[in-house]
Amino acid sequence: MLTIDHIVLTVSDINKTAKFYTEILEMTLEEFKPPGTTQSRFALRFGTQKINLHSVFQPFKPHAKHPLSGSADICFISNKSIHLWIEKFEKHSVLIEEGPVQRTGACGRLTSVYVRDPDGNLIEISNQN
Protein backbone atom coordinates (compact mmCIF):
# COMPACT_ATOMS: atom_id res chain seq x y z
CA MET A 1 0.00 0.00 0.00
CA LEU A 2 1.12 3.57 -0.65
CA THR A 3 -1.39 5.91 0.95
CA ILE A 4 -5.09 6.48 1.62
CA ASP A 5 -6.90 8.11 -1.30
CA HIS A 6 -10.09 8.98 0.59
CA ILE A 7 -12.31 7.87 3.42
CA VAL A 8 -16.10 7.97 3.70
CA LEU A 9 -17.83 9.63 6.61
CA THR A 10 -21.46 8.57 7.12
CA VAL A 11 -23.40 11.56 8.44
CA SER A 12 -26.94 12.37 9.54
CA ASP A 13 -26.98 15.89 8.03
CA ILE A 14 -24.59 16.72 5.19
CA ASN A 15 -25.21 20.48 5.52
CA LYS A 16 -24.42 20.53 9.27
CA THR A 17 -21.35 18.39 8.72
CA ALA A 18 -20.15 20.55 5.82
CA LYS A 19 -20.56 23.71 7.92
CA PHE A 20 -18.49 22.27 10.79
CA TYR A 21 -15.66 21.00 8.60
CA THR A 22 -15.51 24.10 6.37
CA GLU A 23 -16.10 26.90 8.88
CA ILE A 24 -14.30 25.42 11.87
CA LEU A 25 -11.76 22.94 10.49
CA GLU A 26 -11.08 25.07 7.38
CA MET A 27 -11.67 22.36 4.78
CA THR A 28 -13.19 22.97 1.35
CA LEU A 29 -16.54 21.50 0.29
CA GLU A 30 -16.64 19.99 -3.18
CA GLU A 31 -19.74 18.87 -5.08
CA PHE A 32 -19.17 16.21 -7.72
CA LYS A 33 -21.04 13.70 -9.88
CA PRO A 34 -19.37 10.35 -10.40
CA PRO A 35 -19.19 9.18 -14.03
CA GLY A 36 -22.46 7.63 -15.19
CA THR A 37 -24.60 9.23 -12.46
CA THR A 38 -26.75 12.33 -12.18
CA GLN A 39 -26.85 12.48 -8.38
CA SER A 40 -24.58 15.01 -6.72
CA ARG A 41 -22.19 13.88 -4.02
CA PHE A 42 -20.14 15.92 -1.60
CA ALA A 43 -16.60 15.71 -0.32
CA LEU A 44 -14.39 17.65 2.04
CA ARG A 45 -10.91 18.49 0.76
CA PHE A 46 -7.80 19.46 2.70
CA GLY A 47 -4.21 19.21 1.52
CA THR A 48 -4.11 16.25 -0.85
CA GLN A 49 -6.79 14.37 1.09
CA LYS A 50 -10.53 13.91 0.65
CA ILE A 51 -13.41 12.77 2.84
CA ASN A 52 -16.54 11.73 0.95
CA LEU A 53 -19.79 12.42 2.79
CA HIS A 54 -22.57 9.83 2.67
CA SER A 55 -25.99 10.36 4.19
CA VAL A 56 -26.89 7.69 6.74
CA PHE A 57 -30.37 7.75 5.16
CA GLN A 58 -29.12 7.12 1.59
CA PRO A 59 -25.60 5.67 1.58
CA PHE A 60 -24.04 5.30 -1.85
CA LYS A 61 -23.35 1.74 -2.97
CA PRO A 62 -21.17 -0.03 -2.37
CA HIS A 63 -20.88 1.02 1.25
CA ALA A 64 -19.76 -0.28 4.62
CA LYS A 65 -21.74 -3.26 5.88
CA HIS A 66 -23.29 -1.17 8.68
CA PRO A 67 -23.00 2.53 7.74
CA LEU A 68 -23.55 4.52 10.93
CA SER A 69 -23.07 8.15 11.80
CA GLY A 70 -20.93 9.04 14.79
CA SER A 71 -18.67 5.98 14.76
CA ALA A 72 -15.48 7.54 13.35
CA ASP A 73 -12.32 8.54 15.19
CA ILE A 74 -10.05 10.65 12.97
CA CYS A 75 -6.74 12.38 13.65
CA PHE A 76 -5.81 15.39 11.50
CA ILE A 77 -2.25 16.75 11.46
CA SER A 78 -2.09 20.55 11.33
CA ASN A 79 0.77 23.00 11.04
CA LYS A 80 -1.44 25.59 12.76
CA SER A 81 -0.64 25.77 16.48
CA ILE A 82 -2.80 23.71 18.84
CA HIS A 83 -3.27 26.89 20.89
CA LEU A 84 -4.78 28.64 17.84
CA TRP A 85 -7.12 25.67 17.37
CA ILE A 86 -8.16 25.90 21.01
CA GLU A 87 -8.95 29.61 20.54
CA LYS A 88 -10.98 28.81 17.43
CA PHE A 89 -12.93 26.03 19.16
CA GLU A 90 -13.70 28.33 22.08
CA LYS A 91 -14.80 31.11 19.68
CA HIS A 92 -17.24 28.71 17.97
CA SER A 93 -18.39 27.12 21.27
CA VAL A 94 -16.97 23.73 20.29
CA LEU A 95 -16.41 21.71 23.48
CA ILE A 96 -12.86 20.42 23.90
CA GLU A 97 -13.13 16.86 25.20
CA GLU A 98 -9.46 16.48 26.03
CA GLY A 99 -6.19 18.25 25.55
CA PRO A 100 -3.77 19.44 24.83
CA VAL A 101 -2.20 16.04 25.52
CA GLN A 102 0.80 14.09 24.23
CA ARG A 103 0.06 11.17 21.90
CA THR A 104 1.90 8.95 19.44
CA GLY A 105 0.82 8.97 15.80
CA ALA A 106 1.92 7.19 12.65
CA CYS A 107 4.95 9.47 12.26
CA GLY A 108 5.89 10.00 15.89
CA ARG A 109 4.98 12.21 18.85
CA LEU A 110 1.94 14.50 18.68
CA THR A 111 0.39 17.23 20.76
CA SER A 112 -3.36 16.75 20.38
CA VAL A 113 -6.70 18.24 21.26
CA TYR A 114 -10.00 16.34 20.91
CA VAL A 115 -13.44 17.63 19.86
CA ARG A 116 -16.57 16.09 18.34
CA ASP A 117 -18.24 16.89 15.04
CA PRO A 118 -22.05 17.29 14.71
CA ASP A 119 -22.55 13.49 14.56
CA GLY A 120 -20.36 12.82 17.59
CA ASN A 121 -17.35 11.54 15.65
CA LEU A 122 -14.17 11.99 17.68
CA ILE A 123 -11.90 14.50 15.94
CA GLU A 124 -8.27 14.81 17.02
CA ILE A 125 -6.33 17.85 15.84
CA SER A 126 -2.58 17.38 16.26
CA ASN A 127 0.77 19.06 15.85
CA GLN A 128 3.79 16.87 15.21
CA ASN A 129 6.52 17.32 17.84
C-alpha atoms as a PDB file:
ATOM      1  CA  MET A   1       0.000   0.000   0.000  1.00  0.00           C
ATOM      2  CA  LEU A   2       1.115   3.566  -0.652  1.00  0.00           C
ATOM      3  CA  THR A   3      -1.387   5.914   0.950  1.00  0.00           C
ATOM      4  CA  ILE A   4      -5.087   6.478   1.624  1.00  0.00           C
ATOM      5  CA  ASP A   5      -6.904   8.109  -1.304  1.00  0.00           C
ATOM      6  CA  HIS A   6     -10.086   8.980   0.586  1.00  0.00           C
ATOM      7  CA  ILE A   7     -12.309   7.871   3.417  1.00  0.00           C
ATOM      8  CA  VAL A   8     -16.096   7.971   3.699  1.00  0.00           C
ATOM      9  CA  LEU A   9     -17.834   9.625   6.612  1.00  0.00           C
ATOM     10  CA  THR A  10     -21.457   8.575   7.123  1.00  0.00           C
ATOM     11  CA  VAL A  11     -23.404  11.561   8.444  1.00  0.00           C
ATOM     12  CA  SER A  12     -26.941  12.374   9.543  1.00  0.00           C
ATOM     13  CA  ASP A  13     -26.982  15.891   8.032  1.00  0.00           C
ATOM     14  CA  ILE A  14     -24.593  16.723   5.190  1.00  0.00           C
ATOM     15  CA  ASN A  15     -25.205  20.482   5.521  1.00  0.00           C
ATOM     16  CA  LYS A  16     -24.420  20.527   9.269  1.00  0.00           C
ATOM     17  CA  THR A  17     -21.349  18.394   8.725  1.00  0.00           C
ATOM     18  CA  ALA A  18     -20.149  20.551   5.824  1.00  0.00           C
ATOM     19  CA  LYS A  19     -20.559  23.706   7.919  1.00  0.00           C
ATOM     20  CA  PHE A  20     -18.492  22.267  10.792  1.00  0.00           C
ATOM     21  CA  TYR A  21     -15.659  20.999   8.601  1.00  0.00           C
ATOM     22  CA  THR A  22     -15.506  24.099   6.368  1.00  0.00           C
ATOM     23  CA  GLU A  23     -16.097  26.902   8.883  1.00  0.00           C
ATOM     24  CA  ILE A  24     -14.300  25.423  11.872  1.00  0.00           C
ATOM     25  CA  LEU A  25     -11.757  22.938  10.486  1.00  0.00           C
ATOM     26  CA  GLU A  26     -11.084  25.075   7.379  1.00  0.00           C
ATOM     27  CA  MET A  27     -11.673  22.358   4.781  1.00  0.00           C
ATOM     28  CA  THR A  28     -13.194  22.970   1.348  1.00  0.00           C
ATOM     29  CA  LEU A  29     -16.545  21.502   0.286  1.00  0.00           C
ATOM     30  CA  GLU A  30     -16.635  19.991  -3.182  1.00  0.00           C
ATOM     31  CA  GLU A  31     -19.737  18.870  -5.081  1.00  0.00           C
ATOM     32  CA  PHE A  32     -19.165  16.208  -7.724  1.00  0.00           C
ATOM     33  CA  LYS A  33     -21.038  13.703  -9.877  1.00  0.00           C
ATOM     34  CA  PRO A  34     -19.369  10.349 -10.404  1.00  0.00           C
ATOM     35  CA  PRO A  35     -19.194   9.180 -14.028  1.00  0.00           C
ATOM     36  CA  GLY A  36     -22.464   7.627 -15.193  1.00  0.00           C
ATOM     37  CA  THR A  37     -24.597   9.234 -12.464  1.00  0.00           C
ATOM     38  CA  THR A  38     -26.752  12.326 -12.177  1.00  0.00           C
ATOM     39  CA  GLN A  39     -26.851  12.482  -8.384  1.00  0.00           C
ATOM     40  CA  SER A  40     -24.579  15.011  -6.719  1.00  0.00           C
ATOM     41  CA  ARG A  41     -22.191  13.880  -4.022  1.00  0.00           C
ATOM     42  CA  PHE A  42     -20.145  15.917  -1.604  1.00  0.00           C
ATOM     43  CA  ALA A  43     -16.598  15.706  -0.316  1.00  0.00           C
ATOM     44  CA  LEU A  44     -14.386  17.650   2.044  1.00  0.00           C
ATOM     45  CA  ARG A  45     -10.907  18.490   0.761  1.00  0.00           C
ATOM     46  CA  PHE A  46      -7.804  19.463   2.696  1.00  0.00           C
ATOM     47  CA  GLY A  47      -4.213  19.213   1.519  1.00  0.00           C
ATOM     48  CA  THR A  48      -4.113  16.248  -0.852  1.00  0.00           C
ATOM     49  CA  GLN A  49      -6.790  14.374   1.088  1.00  0.00           C
ATOM     50  CA  LYS A  50     -10.526  13.906   0.651  1.00  0.00           C
ATOM     51  CA  ILE A  51     -13.412  12.772   2.839  1.00  0.00           C
ATOM     52  CA  ASN A  52     -16.537  11.727   0.953  1.00  0.00           C
ATOM     53  CA  LEU A  53     -19.787  12.419   2.792  1.00  0.00           C
ATOM     54  CA  HIS A  54     -22.567   9.827   2.675  1.00  0.00           C
ATOM     55  CA  SER A  55     -25.985  10.361   4.193  1.00  0.00           C
ATOM     56  CA  VAL A  56     -26.894   7.690   6.740  1.00  0.00           C
ATOM     57  CA  PHE A  57     -30.369   7.748   5.158  1.00  0.00           C
ATOM     58  CA  GLN A  58     -29.116   7.118   1.586  1.00  0.00           C
ATOM     59  CA  PRO A  59     -25.604   5.665   1.579  1.00  0.00           C
ATOM     60  CA  PHE A  60     -24.040   5.299  -1.849  1.00  0.00           C
ATOM     61  CA  LYS A  61     -23.351   1.735  -2.974  1.00  0.00           C
ATOM     62  CA  PRO A  62     -21.170  -0.031  -2.366  1.00  0.00           C
ATOM     63  CA  HIS A  63     -20.875   1.019   1.253  1.00  0.00           C
ATOM     64  CA  ALA A  64     -19.761  -0.279   4.623  1.00  0.00           C
ATOM     65  CA  LYS A  65     -21.740  -3.256   5.879  1.00  0.00           C
ATOM     66  CA  HIS A  66     -23.292  -1.170   8.679  1.00  0.00           C
ATOM     67  CA  PRO A  67     -23.001   2.531   7.736  1.00  0.00           C
ATOM     68  CA  LEU A  68     -23.546   4.524  10.932  1.00  0.00           C
ATOM     69  CA  SER A  69     -23.065   8.152  11.796  1.00  0.00           C
ATOM     70  CA  GLY A  70     -20.925   9.044  14.787  1.00  0.00           C
ATOM     71  CA  SER A  71     -18.671   5.984  14.760  1.00  0.00           C
ATOM     72  CA  ALA A  72     -15.476   7.536  13.348  1.00  0.00           C
ATOM     73  CA  ASP A  73     -12.316   8.544  15.193  1.00  0.00           C
ATOM     74  CA  ILE A  74     -10.050  10.653  12.966  1.00  0.00           C
ATOM     75  CA  CYS A  75      -6.742  12.379  13.645  1.00  0.00           C
ATOM     76  CA  PHE A  76      -5.806  15.393  11.505  1.00  0.00           C
ATOM     77  CA  ILE A  77      -2.250  16.752  11.457  1.00  0.00           C
ATOM     78  CA  SER A  78      -2.090  20.548  11.334  1.00  0.00           C
ATOM     79  CA  ASN A  79       0.773  23.005  11.038  1.00  0.00           C
ATOM     80  CA  LYS A  80      -1.441  25.593  12.762  1.00  0.00           C
ATOM     81  CA  SER A  81      -0.637  25.773  16.478  1.00  0.00           C
ATOM     82  CA  ILE A  82      -2.798  23.710  18.843  1.00  0.00           C
ATOM     83  CA  HIS A  83      -3.268  26.886  20.886  1.00  0.00           C
ATOM     84  CA  LEU A  84      -4.780  28.643  17.842  1.00  0.00           C
ATOM     85  CA  TRP A  85      -7.123  25.673  17.372  1.00  0.00           C
ATOM     86  CA  ILE A  86      -8.160  25.900  21.014  1.00  0.00           C
ATOM     87  CA  GLU A  87      -8.951  29.607  20.537  1.00  0.00           C
ATOM     88  CA  LYS A  88     -10.979  28.810  17.427  1.00  0.00           C
ATOM     89  CA  PHE A  89     -12.927  26.031  19.158  1.00  0.00           C
ATOM     90  CA  GLU A  90     -13.698  28.334  22.080  1.00  0.00           C
ATOM     91  CA  LYS A  91     -14.801  31.113  19.684  1.00  0.00           C
ATOM     92  CA  HIS A  92     -17.237  28.708  17.975  1.00  0.00           C
ATOM     93  CA  SER A  93     -18.392  27.120  21.267  1.00  0.00           C
ATOM     94  CA  VAL A  94     -16.966  23.728  20.294  1.00  0.00           C
ATOM     95  CA  LEU A  95     -16.414  21.713  23.477  1.00  0.00           C
ATOM     96  CA  ILE A  96     -12.861  20.421  23.900  1.00  0.00           C
ATOM     97  CA  GLU A  97     -13.130  16.865  25.200  1.00  0.00           C
ATOM     98  CA  GLU A  98      -9.462  16.478  26.030  1.00  0.00           C
ATOM     99  CA  GLY A  99      -6.188  18.248  25.546  1.00  0.00           C
ATOM    100  CA  PRO A 100      -3.774  19.442  24.833  1.00  0.00           C
ATOM    101  CA  VAL A 101      -2.198  16.042  25.519  1.00  0.00           C
ATOM    102  CA  GLN A 102       0.800  14.091  24.230  1.00  0.00           C
ATOM    103  CA  ARG A 103       0.062  11.170  21.904  1.00  0.00           C
ATOM    104  CA  THR A 104       1.896   8.947  19.442  1.00  0.00           C
ATOM    105  CA  GLY A 105       0.817   8.974  15.798  1.00  0.00           C
ATOM    106  CA  ALA A 106       1.922   7.190  12.647  1.00  0.00           C
ATOM    107  CA  CYS A 107       4.954   9.471  12.262  1.00  0.00           C
ATOM    108  CA  GLY A 108       5.888  10.002  15.894  1.00  0.00           C
ATOM    109  CA  ARG A 109       4.978  12.213  18.850  1.00  0.00           C
ATOM    110  CA  LEU A 110       1.944  14.496  18.685  1.00  0.00           C
ATOM    111  CA  THR A 111       0.386  17.233  20.758  1.00  0.00           C
ATOM    112  CA  SER A 112      -3.361  16.745  20.378  1.00  0.00           C
ATOM    113  CA  VAL A 113      -6.704  18.244  21.258  1.00  0.00           C
ATOM    114  CA  TYR A 114     -10.002  16.339  20.907  1.00  0.00           C
ATOM    115  CA  VAL A 115     -13.436  17.630  19.859  1.00  0.00           C
ATOM    116  CA  ARG A 116     -16.568  16.094  18.343  1.00  0.00           C
ATOM    117  CA  ASP A 117     -18.237  16.894  15.042  1.00  0.00           C
ATOM    118  CA  PRO A 118     -22.048  17.289  14.712  1.00  0.00           C
ATOM    119  CA  ASP A 119     -22.550  13.489  14.556  1.00  0.00           C
ATOM    120  CA  GLY A 120     -20.363  12.825  17.585  1.00  0.00           C
ATOM    121  CA  ASN A 121     -17.346  11.537  15.652  1.00  0.00           C
ATOM    122  CA  LEU A 122     -14.169  11.992  17.677  1.00  0.00           C
ATOM    123  CA  ILE A 123     -11.904  14.503  15.939  1.00  0.00           C
ATOM    124  CA  GLU A 124      -8.269  14.805  17.019  1.00  0.00           C
ATOM    125  CA  ILE A 125      -6.329  17.851  15.835  1.00  0.00           C
ATOM    126  CA  SER A 126      -2.577  17.377  16.262  1.00  0.00           C
ATOM    127  CA  ASN A 127       0.766  19.059  15.849  1.00  0.00           C
ATOM    128  CA  GLN A 128       3.787  16.866  15.210  1.00  0.00           C
ATOM    129  CA  ASN A 129       6.524  17.316  17.842  1.00  0.00           C
END
